[in-house]
């Protein structure tokens, strides 16, 4: 708003990506604009952990438990016969459950992202998510898991401002 008139309206991302004029650029600040441009240049591929445990949806819980323990991981991504995403199984649930079929303990992830998603879009989606975040291809094939810690470390580095500077 300038002189009582709306100069530009939109989402924060659209304001940062496409400021309407010099007034909006100055209002937002050069440093914020630059950090947003750097963020848009990031590739999601850099934040995907591909070294994950995949288990078939038709295996028995005992086999899934053994695989989890052997790999020293607390969860695995469950895939269907056609290798599409089915859900997540945790070591805790596998140990605690008496059922023989893994299908009885599969949980859906709170959020799923796709390998072609923009980093800025992913950041908007993952706010408040503390679970495993599968990354899928457009065909719903599991590519890996999002390394949220690594993504946030990069974001912190890009948006770090000197004390008192905004």
Foldseek 3Di string as FASTA:
>chain_A
DPPPDDPDDDDPLCCLACPNDVVSDVVCDPLSSVLSVVQQVDAQVVFFDQPFAEAEQFQWLVVVLVVCVVVVHQKHFYAYPVQAGDAMAGNVQSVPDPDTGPNVRGDHAPEEEENPDRSVVVVVVCVPGDDWYFYAYPVRHTRGTGNVVVSVVVSCVSNPDDPPDD
